[in-house]
Amino acid sequence: MAAVQPHSPEEIAGWQVDSQSGFGPMRHLRPPVTLSETPARWARPVVPLGTHEPAWP
């Protein structure tokens, strides 16, 4: 089996998205699928642990 070659930053850039979070700007991978009518996204940003009181949304 051949060794897996790492991707270059330019190749990975197309799979990434920039978002705002409680930690500041964050770059992460896009969702792996595209839906025809529903945007694949997170409703709330990532925040540091302890930002909110524990509660069921």
PDB file of N, CA and C in Angstrom:
ATOM      1  N   MET A   1       0.845  -1.169   0.000  1.00  0.00           N
ATOM      2  CA  MET A   1       0.000   0.000   0.000  1.00  0.00           C
ATOM      3  C   MET A   1       0.898   1.242   0.000  1.00  0.00           C
ATOM      4  N   ALA A   2       0.586   2.181  -0.848  1.00  0.00           N
ATOM      5  CA  ALA A   2       1.382   3.402  -0.952  1.00  0.00           C
ATOM      6  C   ALA A   2       1.136   4.317   0.248  1.00  0.00           C
ATOM      7  N   ALA A   3       2.148   5.061   0.600  1.00  0.00           N
ATOM      8  CA  ALA A   3       2.017   6.021   1.702  1.00  0.00           C
ATOM      9  C   ALA A   3       1.091   7.160   1.287  1.00  0.00           C
ATOM     10  N   VAL A   4       0.319   7.644   2.228  1.00  0.00           N
ATOM     11  CA  VAL A   4      -0.582   8.767   1.965  1.00  0.00           C
ATOM     12  C   VAL A   4       0.228  10.051   2.005  1.00  0.00           C
ATOM     13  N   GLN A   5       0.107  10.852   0.964  1.00  0.00           N
ATOM     14  CA  GLN A   5       0.825  12.114   0.900  1.00  0.00           C
ATOM     15  C   GLN A   5       0.005  13.223   1.556  1.00  0.00           C
ATOM     16  N   PRO A   6       0.626  14.086   2.350  1.00  0.00           N
ATOM     17  CA  PRO A   6      -0.118  15.186   2.972  1.00  0.00           C
ATOM     18  C   PRO A   6      -0.579  16.187   1.916  1.00  0.00           C
ATOM     19  N   HIS A   7      -1.698  16.837   2.193  1.00  0.00           N
ATOM     20  CA  HIS A   7      -2.209  17.872   1.292  1.00  0.00           C
ATOM     21  C   HIS A   7      -1.498  19.188   1.574  1.00  0.00           C
ATOM     22  N   SER A   8      -1.361  19.998   0.546  1.00  0.00           N
ATOM     23  CA  SER A   8      -0.762  21.319   0.721  1.00  0.00           C
ATOM     24  C   SER A   8      -1.798  22.273   1.313  1.00  0.00           C
ATOM     25  N   PRO A   9      -1.368  23.369   1.936  1.00  0.00           N
ATOM     26  CA  PRO A   9      -2.328  24.350   2.455  1.00  0.00           C
ATOM     27  C   PRO A   9      -3.279  24.871   1.376  1.00  0.00           C
ATOM     28  N   GLU A  10      -2.809  24.994   0.147  1.00  0.00           N
ATOM     29  CA  GLU A  10      -3.659  25.465  -0.945  1.00  0.00           C
ATOM     30  C   GLU A  10      -4.779  24.465  -1.249  1.00  0.00           C
ATOM     31  N   GLU A  11      -4.481  23.172  -1.188  1.00  0.00           N
ATOM     32  CA  GLU A  11      -5.506  22.151  -1.427  1.00  0.00           C
ATOM     33  C   GLU A  11      -6.541  22.129  -0.302  1.00  0.00           C
ATOM     34  N   ILE A  12      -6.103  22.293   0.919  1.00  0.00           N
ATOM     35  CA  ILE A  12      -6.995  22.247   2.074  1.00  0.00           C
ATOM     36  C   ILE A  12      -7.863  23.495   2.153  1.00  0.00           C
ATOM     37  N   ALA A  13      -7.389  24.629   1.657  1.00  0.00           N
ATOM     38  CA  ALA A  13      -8.117  25.903   1.762  1.00  0.00           C
ATOM     39  C   ALA A  13      -9.536  25.806   1.207  1.00  0.00           C
ATOM     40  N   GLY A  14      -9.760  25.029   0.181  1.00  0.00           N
ATOM     41  CA  GLY A  14     -11.093  24.881  -0.392  1.00  0.00           C
ATOM     42  C   GLY A  14     -12.056  24.117   0.497  1.00  0.00           C
ATOM     43  N   TRP A  15     -11.540  23.428   1.491  1.00  0.00           N
ATOM     44  CA  TRP A  15     -12.374  22.640   2.410  1.00  0.00           C
ATOM     45  C   TRP A  15     -12.611  23.375   3.724  1.00  0.00           C
ATOM     46  N   GLN A  16     -12.053  24.586   3.857  1.00  0.00           N
ATOM     47  CA  GLN A  16     -12.126  25.311   5.120  1.00  0.00           C
ATOM     48  C   GLN A  16     -13.076  26.500   5.038  1.00  0.00           C
ATOM     49  N   VAL A  17     -13.508  26.960   6.205  1.00  0.00           N
ATOM     50  CA  VAL A  17     -14.345  28.151   6.321  1.00  0.00           C
ATOM     51  C   VAL A  17     -13.877  28.912   7.564  1.00  0.00           C
ATOM     52  N   ASP A  18     -13.986  30.232   7.530  1.00  0.00           N
ATOM     53  CA  ASP A  18     -13.638  31.066   8.679  1.00  0.00           C
ATOM     54  C   ASP A  18     -14.910  31.460   9.407  1.00  0.00           C
ATOM     55  N   SER A  19     -14.896  31.355  10.737  1.00  0.00           N
ATOM     56  CA  SER A  19     -16.049  31.704  11.571  1.00  0.00           C
ATOM     57  C   SER A  19     -15.573  32.514  12.769  1.00  0.00           C
ATOM     58  N   GLN A  20     -16.487  33.279  13.361  1.00  0.00           N
ATOM     59  CA  GLN A  20     -16.205  33.966  14.618  1.00  0.00           C
ATOM     60  C   GLN A  20     -16.606  33.036  15.758  1.00  0.00           C
ATOM     61  N   SER A  21     -15.845  33.045  16.831  1.00  0.00           N
ATOM     62  CA  SER A  21     -16.150  32.216  17.996  1.00  0.00           C
ATOM     63  C   SER A  21     -15.851  33.014  19.259  1.00  0.00           C
ATOM     64  N   GLY A  22     -16.164  32.449  20.390  1.00  0.00           N
ATOM     65  CA  GLY A  22     -15.835  33.072  21.659  1.00  0.00           C
ATOM     66  C   GLY A  22     -14.343  33.149  21.911  1.00  0.00           C
ATOM     67  N   PHE A  23     -13.565  32.455  21.105  1.00  0.00           N
ATOM     68  CA  PHE A  23     -12.111  32.474  21.200  1.00  0.00           C
ATOM     69  C   PHE A  23     -11.492  33.435  20.202  1.00  0.00           C
ATOM     70  N   GLY A  24     -12.326  34.050  19.351  1.00  0.00           N
ATOM     71  CA  GLY A  24     -11.844  34.900  18.269  1.00  0.00           C
ATOM     72  C   GLY A  24     -12.067  34.201  16.937  1.00  0.00           C
ATOM     73  N   PRO A  25     -11.454  34.699  15.866  1.00  0.00           N
ATOM     74  CA  PRO A  25     -11.634  34.065  14.555  1.00  0.00           C
ATOM     75  C   PRO A  25     -11.147  32.613  14.587  1.00  0.00           C
ATOM     76  N   MET A  26     -11.878  31.746  13.895  1.00  0.00           N
ATOM     77  CA  MET A  26     -11.547  30.326  13.885  1.00  0.00           C
ATOM     78  C   MET A  26     -11.665  29.798  12.458  1.00  0.00           C
ATOM     79  N   ARG A  27     -10.696  29.037  12.020  1.00  0.00           N
ATOM     80  CA  ARG A  27     -10.741  28.380  10.710  1.00  0.00           C
ATOM     81  C   ARG A  27     -10.966  26.896  10.959  1.00  0.00           C
ATOM     82  N   HIS A  28     -11.964  26.325  10.294  1.00  0.00           N
ATOM     83  CA  HIS A  28     -12.292  24.914  10.493  1.00  0.00           C
ATOM     84  C   HIS A  28     -12.784  24.315   9.187  1.00  0.00           C
ATOM     85  N   LEU A  29     -12.942  23.012   9.170  1.00  0.00           N
ATOM     86  CA  LEU A  29     -13.409  22.328   7.964  1.00  0.00           C
ATOM     87  C   LEU A  29     -14.889  22.575   7.741  1.00  0.00           C
ATOM     88  N   ARG A  30     -15.274  22.699   6.487  1.00  0.00           N
ATOM     89  CA  ARG A  30     -16.687  22.833   6.121  1.00  0.00           C
ATOM     90  C   ARG A  30     -17.397  21.507   6.386  1.00  0.00           C
ATOM     91  N   PRO A  31     -18.733  21.533   6.515  1.00  0.00           N
ATOM     92  CA  PRO A  31     -19.469  20.266   6.601  1.00  0.00           C
ATOM     93  C   PRO A  31     -19.197  19.427   5.340  1.00  0.00           C
ATOM     94  N   PRO A  32     -19.183  18.116   5.459  1.00  0.00           N
ATOM     95  CA  PRO A  32     -18.810  17.267   4.326  1.00  0.00           C
ATOM     96  C   PRO A  32     -19.874  17.118   3.247  1.00  0.00           C
ATOM     97  N   VAL A  33     -21.091  17.580   3.497  1.00  0.00           N
ATOM     98  CA  VAL A  33     -22.156  17.433   2.497  1.00  0.00           C
ATOM     99  C   VAL A  33     -22.805  18.783   2.223  1.00  0.00           C
ATOM    100  N   THR A  34     -23.466  18.890   1.085  1.00  0.00           N
ATOM    101  CA  THR A  34     -24.241  20.070   0.731  1.00  0.00           C
ATOM    102  C   THR A  34     -25.682  19.638   0.560  1.00  0.00           C
ATOM    103  N   LEU A  35     -26.597  20.326   1.230  1.00  0.00           N
ATOM    104  CA  LEU A  35     -28.020  20.022   1.131  1.00  0.00           C
ATOM    105  C   LEU A  35     -28.661  20.999   0.157  1.00  0.00           C
ATOM    106  N   SER A  36     -29.687  20.566  -0.556  1.00  0.00           N
ATOM    107  CA  SER A  36     -30.272  21.400  -1.600  1.00  0.00           C
ATOM    108  C   SER A  36     -30.987  22.635  -1.062  1.00  0.00           C
ATOM    109  N   GLU A  37     -31.629  22.549   0.102  1.00  0.00           N
ATOM    110  CA  GLU A  37     -32.406  23.684   0.592  1.00  0.00           C
ATOM    111  C   GLU A  37     -32.044  24.133   1.999  1.00  0.00           C
ATOM    112  N   THR A  38     -31.262  23.366   2.701  1.00  0.00           N
ATOM    113  CA  THR A  38     -30.910  23.707   4.078  1.00  0.00           C
ATOM    114  C   THR A  38     -29.412  23.950   4.160  1.00  0.00           C
ATOM    115  N   PRO A  39     -29.005  25.156   4.565  1.00  0.00           N
ATOM    116  CA  PRO A  39     -27.565  25.387   4.680  1.00  0.00           C
ATOM    117  C   PRO A  39     -26.974  24.558   5.826  1.00  0.00           C
ATOM    118  N   ALA A  40     -25.875  23.902   5.566  1.00  0.00           N
ATOM    119  CA  ALA A  40     -25.196  23.123   6.607  1.00  0.00           C
ATOM    120  C   ALA A  40     -24.330  24.090   7.402  1.00  0.00           C
ATOM    121  N   ARG A  41     -24.744  24.397   8.621  1.00  0.00           N
ATOM    122  CA  ARG A  41     -24.004  25.330   9.468  1.00  0.00           C
ATOM    123  C   ARG A  41     -24.362  25.074  10.918  1.00  0.00           C
ATOM    124  N   TRP A  42     -23.578  25.631  11.808  1.00  0.00           N
ATOM    125  CA  TRP A  42     -23.870  25.543  13.225  1.00  0.00           C
ATOM    126  C   TRP A  42     -24.671  26.774  13.614  1.00  0.00           C
ATOM    127  N   ALA A  43     -25.713  26.597  14.421  1.00  0.00           N
ATOM    128  CA  ALA A  43     -26.585  27.708  14.805  1.00  0.00           C
ATOM    129  C   ALA A  43     -25.907  28.639  15.808  1.00  0.00           C
ATOM    130  N   ARG A  44     -24.982  28.120  16.590  1.00  0.00           N
ATOM    131  CA  ARG A  44     -24.314  28.926  17.612  1.00  0.00           C
ATOM    132  C   ARG A  44     -22.803  28.785  17.462  1.00  0.00           C
ATOM    133  N   PRO A  45     -22.066  29.847  17.772  1.00  0.00           N
ATOM    134  CA  PRO A  45     -20.608  29.741  17.676  1.00  0.00           C
ATOM    135  C   PRO A  45     -20.022  28.953  18.850  1.00  0.00           C
ATOM    136  N   VAL A  46     -18.805  28.510  18.694  1.00  0.00           N
ATOM    137  CA  VAL A  46     -18.070  27.851  19.766  1.00  0.00           C
ATOM    138  C   VAL A  46     -17.712  28.906  20.810  1.00  0.00           C
ATOM    139  N   VAL A  47     -17.909  28.595  22.078  1.00  0.00           N
ATOM    140  CA  VAL A  47     -17.580  29.531  23.165  1.00  0.00           C
ATOM    141  C   VAL A  47     -16.753  28.806  24.217  1.00  0.00           C
ATOM    142  N   PRO A  48     -15.988  29.543  25.012  1.00  0.00           N
ATOM    143  CA  PRO A  48     -15.202  28.908  26.072  1.00  0.00           C
ATOM    144  C   PRO A  48     -16.101  28.224  27.104  1.00  0.00           C
ATOM    145  N   LEU A  49     -15.604  27.131  27.667  1.00  0.00           N
ATOM    146  CA  LEU A  49     -16.308  26.399  28.709  1.00  0.00           C
ATOM    147  C   LEU A  49     -16.628  27.340  29.865  1.00  0.00           C
ATOM    148  N   GLY A  50     -17.870  27.303  30.356  1.00  0.00           N
ATOM    149  CA  GLY A  50     -18.293  28.153  31.454  1.00  0.00           C
ATOM    150  C   GLY A  50     -18.909  29.472  31.016  1.00  0.00           C
ATOM    151  N   THR A  51     -19.002  29.725  29.712  1.00  0.00           N
ATOM    152  CA  THR A  51     -19.595  30.965  29.209  1.00  0.00           C
ATOM    153  C   THR A  51     -21.062  31.066  29.596  1.00  0.00           C
ATOM    154  N   HIS A  52     -21.781  29.952  29.537  1.00  0.00           N
ATOM    155  CA  HIS A  52     -23.210  29.939  29.837  1.00  0.00           C
ATOM    156  C   HIS A  52     -23.495  28.962  30.973  1.00  0.00           C
ATOM    157  N   GLU A  53     -24.565  29.212  31.697  1.00  0.00           N
ATOM    158  CA  GLU A  53     -25.028  28.269  32.706  1.00  0.00           C
ATOM    159  C   GLU A  53     -25.523  27.009  31.998  1.00  0.00           C
ATOM    160  N   PRO A  54     -25.311  25.825  32.575  1.00  0.00           N
ATOM    161  CA  PRO A  54     -25.819  24.608  31.953  1.00  0.00           C
ATOM    162  C   PRO A  54     -27.347  24.651  31.869  1.00  0.00           C
ATOM    163  N   ALA A  55     -27.884  24.439  30.681  1.00  0.00           N
ATOM    164  CA  ALA A  55     -29.339  24.431  30.468  1.00  0.00           C
ATOM    165  C   ALA A  55     -29.643  23.682  29.187  1.00  0.00           C
ATOM    166  N   TRP A  56     -30.787  23.038  29.153  1.00  0.00           N
ATOM    167  CA  TRP A  56     -31.233  22.357  27.946  1.00  0.00           C
ATOM    168  C   TRP A  56     -31.811  23.416  27.008  1.00  0.00           C
ATOM    169  N   PRO A  57     -31.303  23.506  25.753  1.00  0.00           N
ATOM    170  CA  PRO A  57     -31.796  24.572  24.860  1.00  0.00           C
ATOM    171  C   PRO A  57     -33.262  24.444  24.514  1.00  0.00           C
TER     172      PRO A  57
END
